[in-house]
């Protein structure tokens, strides 16, 4: 992907390219190892304003039952005892403030909802590139990260869990969005 495009050329409405996006996490387990995982199903979109990034907005919905760590037993445990996916099937993020932090860096602050608990967080993003693909679709790539304390959202099982699994979880996002093209029939 090229990064030579002017920010003003990025203005538009975008949908998340789920085939080119990865939403992962890393948590320290039993002091010596790390557990890496990802969510396999999600959707979202963004409105980007290249002239005034503060007018941009982002929305992301992660299907909590799509958590994958490479261990079916651990995944079932995460779905049931930690994420309570039967009662809270989605993890959502809705931006409230977007700030350009210099160059291709952005801070996106918004409301993160996990297990019905809503808390503000700030995700640090870096624009990694833009491209027109062979089919004419305009894509933008971003990478982002956020460290959160899962216990602030009640993502815990029992007191021993905090000893075995660190409450700090690193979320890693490699996202690609595709500009929506207005349909001549729908006007959108």
Protein backbone atom coordinates (compact mmCIF):
# COMPACT_ATOMS: atom_id res chain seq x y z
CA UNK A 1 0.00 0.00 0.00
CA UNK A 2 1.14 3.50 -0.76
CA UNK A 3 1.00 6.31 1.81
CA UNK A 4 1.49 9.22 -0.62
CA UNK A 5 -2.20 10.13 -0.82
CA UNK A 6 -3.19 13.50 0.67
CA UNK A 7 -5.46 13.23 3.71
CA UNK A 8 -8.14 15.29 1.94
CA UNK A 9 -8.46 12.47 -0.62
CA UNK A 10 -9.44 10.03 2.16
CA UNK A 11 -12.76 11.72 2.92
CA UNK A 12 -15.68 9.33 2.59
CA UNK A 13 -17.66 6.49 4.10
CA UNK A 14 -15.95 3.13 4.54
CA UNK A 15 -16.80 -0.43 5.53
CA UNK A 16 -14.42 -2.78 7.29
CA UNK A 17 -12.76 -5.28 4.95
CA UNK A 18 -13.13 -8.34 7.17
CA UNK A 19 -10.95 -10.49 4.89
CA UNK A 20 -7.99 -8.13 5.39
CA UNK A 21 -8.55 -7.20 9.03
CA UNK A 22 -7.26 -8.91 12.16
CA UNK A 23 -8.42 -8.17 15.68
CA UNK A 24 -6.15 -9.92 18.13
CA UNK A 25 -5.17 -9.88 21.78
CA UNK A 26 -2.31 -10.92 24.02
CA UNK A 27 -2.60 -11.75 27.73
CA UNK A 28 0.11 -12.93 30.10
CA UNK A 29 -0.70 -16.32 31.62
CA UNK A 30 0.89 -17.87 34.73
CA UNK A 31 3.69 -15.31 34.79
CA UNK A 32 5.84 -17.08 32.19
CA UNK A 33 3.82 -17.41 29.02
CA UNK A 34 1.51 -15.39 26.85
CA UNK A 35 -1.78 -16.41 25.35
CA UNK A 36 -2.47 -14.98 21.92
CA UNK A 37 -5.88 -14.99 20.36
CA UNK A 38 -8.13 -13.27 17.91
CA UNK A 39 -11.73 -12.67 17.03
CA UNK A 40 -12.80 -14.21 13.74
CA UNK A 41 -16.10 -12.40 13.17
CA UNK A 42 -16.69 -8.67 13.26
CA UNK A 43 -18.12 -5.81 11.23
CA UNK A 44 -17.83 -2.08 11.22
CA UNK A 45 -17.40 1.11 9.34
CA UNK A 46 -16.05 4.61 9.44
CA UNK A 47 -16.65 8.07 8.14
CA UNK A 48 -13.30 9.73 7.49
CA UNK A 49 -12.91 13.47 7.06
CA UNK A 50 -9.47 14.12 5.61
CA UNK A 51 -9.80 17.91 5.93
CA UNK A 52 -10.87 17.79 9.58
CA UNK A 53 -10.14 14.41 11.25
CA UNK A 54 -12.12 15.52 14.32
CA UNK A 55 -15.27 15.08 12.20
CA UNK A 56 -14.42 11.42 11.58
CA UNK A 57 -16.26 8.55 13.29
CA UNK A 58 -15.71 4.81 13.78
CA UNK A 59 -18.01 1.94 14.78
CA UNK A 60 -16.92 -1.67 15.39
CA UNK A 61 -18.95 -4.73 16.42
CA UNK A 62 -17.03 -7.87 17.42
CA UNK A 63 -18.94 -11.13 17.79
CA UNK A 64 -17.63 -12.36 21.14
CA UNK A 65 -18.33 -16.03 20.42
CA UNK A 66 -15.78 -15.90 17.58
CA UNK A 67 -12.84 -15.79 20.05
CA UNK A 68 -10.04 -18.17 19.01
CA UNK A 69 -6.85 -19.00 20.93
CA UNK A 70 -5.90 -22.34 19.40
CA UNK A 71 -7.41 -24.30 22.29
CA UNK A 72 -11.06 -25.36 22.04
CA UNK A 73 -11.25 -25.83 25.81
CA UNK A 74 -9.81 -22.38 26.55
CA UNK A 75 -12.06 -20.80 23.90
CA UNK A 76 -15.16 -22.37 25.49
CA UNK A 77 -13.98 -21.10 28.89
CA UNK A 78 -13.50 -17.58 27.52
CA UNK A 79 -16.91 -17.58 25.84
CA UNK A 80 -18.75 -18.84 28.91
CA UNK A 81 -17.06 -17.76 32.11
CA UNK A 82 -15.26 -14.62 30.95
CA UNK A 83 -17.28 -13.05 28.13
CA UNK A 84 -20.75 -14.50 28.92
CA UNK A 85 -21.57 -14.59 25.21
CA UNK A 86 -25.08 -15.96 25.76
CA UNK A 87 -26.06 -12.72 27.51
CA UNK A 88 -23.58 -10.39 25.77
CA UNK A 89 -22.98 -11.61 22.21
CA UNK A 90 -21.21 -8.47 21.00
CA UNK A 91 -18.27 -6.31 22.00
CA UNK A 92 -18.74 -2.82 20.55
CA UNK A 93 -16.69 0.32 20.08
CA UNK A 94 -18.21 3.65 19.06
CA UNK A 95 -15.90 6.64 18.68
CA UNK A 96 -16.59 9.94 20.39
CA UNK A 97 -13.42 11.89 19.52
CA UNK A 98 -10.84 11.51 16.72
CA UNK A 99 -7.58 13.44 16.89
CA UNK A 100 -4.65 13.49 14.50
CA UNK A 101 -1.48 13.21 16.59
CA UNK A 102 0.98 14.15 13.88
CA UNK A 103 1.99 12.59 10.60
CA UNK A 104 -0.08 9.47 10.05
CA UNK A 105 -0.94 8.96 13.74
CA UNK A 106 -4.40 9.23 15.27
CA UNK A 107 -5.99 8.78 18.67
CA UNK A 108 -9.55 7.52 18.55
CA UNK A 109 -11.42 7.82 21.84
CA UNK A 110 -14.75 6.13 22.27
CA UNK A 111 -17.02 3.90 24.27
CA UNK A 112 -16.02 0.23 24.55
CA UNK A 113 -18.81 -2.09 25.64
CA UNK A 114 -17.94 -5.54 26.98
CA UNK A 115 -20.43 -7.68 28.95
CA UNK A 116 -22.83 -4.72 29.05
CA UNK A 117 -20.28 -2.44 30.75
CA UNK A 118 -19.47 0.77 28.86
CA UNK A 119 -16.15 2.51 29.51
CA UNK A 120 -14.18 5.11 27.56
CA UNK A 121 -10.89 4.05 25.94
CA UNK A 122 -8.40 5.60 23.54
CA UNK A 123 -6.98 3.54 20.69
CA UNK A 124 -3.73 4.65 19.05
CA UNK A 125 -3.83 4.19 15.25
CA UNK A 126 -1.27 4.64 12.51
CA UNK A 127 -2.22 4.97 8.85
CA UNK A 128 -0.22 2.24 7.09
CA UNK A 129 -1.21 2.84 3.49
CA UNK A 130 -3.78 3.47 0.80
CA UNK A 131 -4.38 1.80 -2.54
CA UNK A 132 -6.73 1.40 -5.45
CA UNK A 133 -7.07 -2.32 -6.01
CA UNK A 134 -7.33 -3.87 -9.52
CA UNK A 135 -11.14 -3.79 -9.27
CA UNK A 136 -11.16 -0.07 -8.52
CA UNK A 137 -11.89 -0.27 -4.79
CA UNK A 138 -10.12 2.35 -2.66
CA UNK A 139 -8.65 0.83 0.52
CA UNK A 140 -6.98 2.32 3.58
CA UNK A 141 -4.91 0.33 6.05
CA UNK A 142 -4.46 1.11 9.74
CA UNK A 143 -2.72 -0.55 12.63
CA UNK A 144 -3.74 0.13 16.19
CA UNK A 145 -3.27 -0.97 19.76
CA UNK A 146 -4.79 -0.55 23.19
CA UNK A 147 -3.89 -1.97 26.59
CA UNK A 148 -6.85 -2.40 28.89
CA UNK A 149 -7.62 -3.86 32.29
CA UNK A 150 -10.23 -6.54 31.59
CA UNK A 151 -11.50 -6.41 35.18
CA UNK A 152 -12.88 -2.89 34.53
CA UNK A 153 -15.49 -4.59 32.31
CA UNK A 154 -16.08 -7.49 34.71
CA UNK A 155 -14.17 -9.92 32.48
CA UNK A 156 -13.11 -12.16 35.29
CA UNK A 157 -14.10 -15.52 36.64
CA UNK A 158 -12.84 -15.70 40.22
CA UNK A 159 -10.08 -14.33 42.46
CA UNK A 160 -7.57 -16.96 41.30
CA UNK A 161 -8.03 -15.83 37.71
CA UNK A 162 -6.18 -12.58 38.40
CA UNK A 163 -3.20 -14.59 39.66
CA UNK A 164 -3.20 -16.98 36.68
CA UNK A 165 -4.06 -14.48 33.93
CA UNK A 166 -2.90 -10.87 34.02
CA UNK A 167 -5.73 -8.34 34.13
CA UNK A 168 -3.86 -6.34 31.46
CA UNK A 169 -4.75 -7.34 27.90
CA UNK A 170 -3.16 -5.88 24.77
CA UNK A 171 -5.58 -5.49 21.87
CA UNK A 172 -3.94 -5.40 18.43
CA UNK A 173 -5.76 -4.22 15.32
CA UNK A 174 -4.64 -4.47 11.72
CA UNK A 175 -7.57 -3.01 9.83
CA UNK A 176 -8.39 -2.34 6.21
CA UNK A 177 -11.43 -0.30 5.19
CA UNK A 178 -12.97 0.03 1.73
CA UNK A 179 -14.58 3.24 0.51
CA UNK A 180 -18.29 2.81 -0.08
CA UNK A 181 -19.32 3.85 -3.53
CA UNK A 182 -22.63 5.69 -3.79
CA UNK A 183 -25.21 3.71 -5.71
CA UNK A 184 -26.87 5.76 -8.49
CA UNK A 185 -30.17 4.05 -7.65
CA UNK A 186 -30.17 4.49 -3.88
CA UNK A 187 -28.50 7.89 -3.65
CA UNK A 188 -26.14 6.57 -0.97
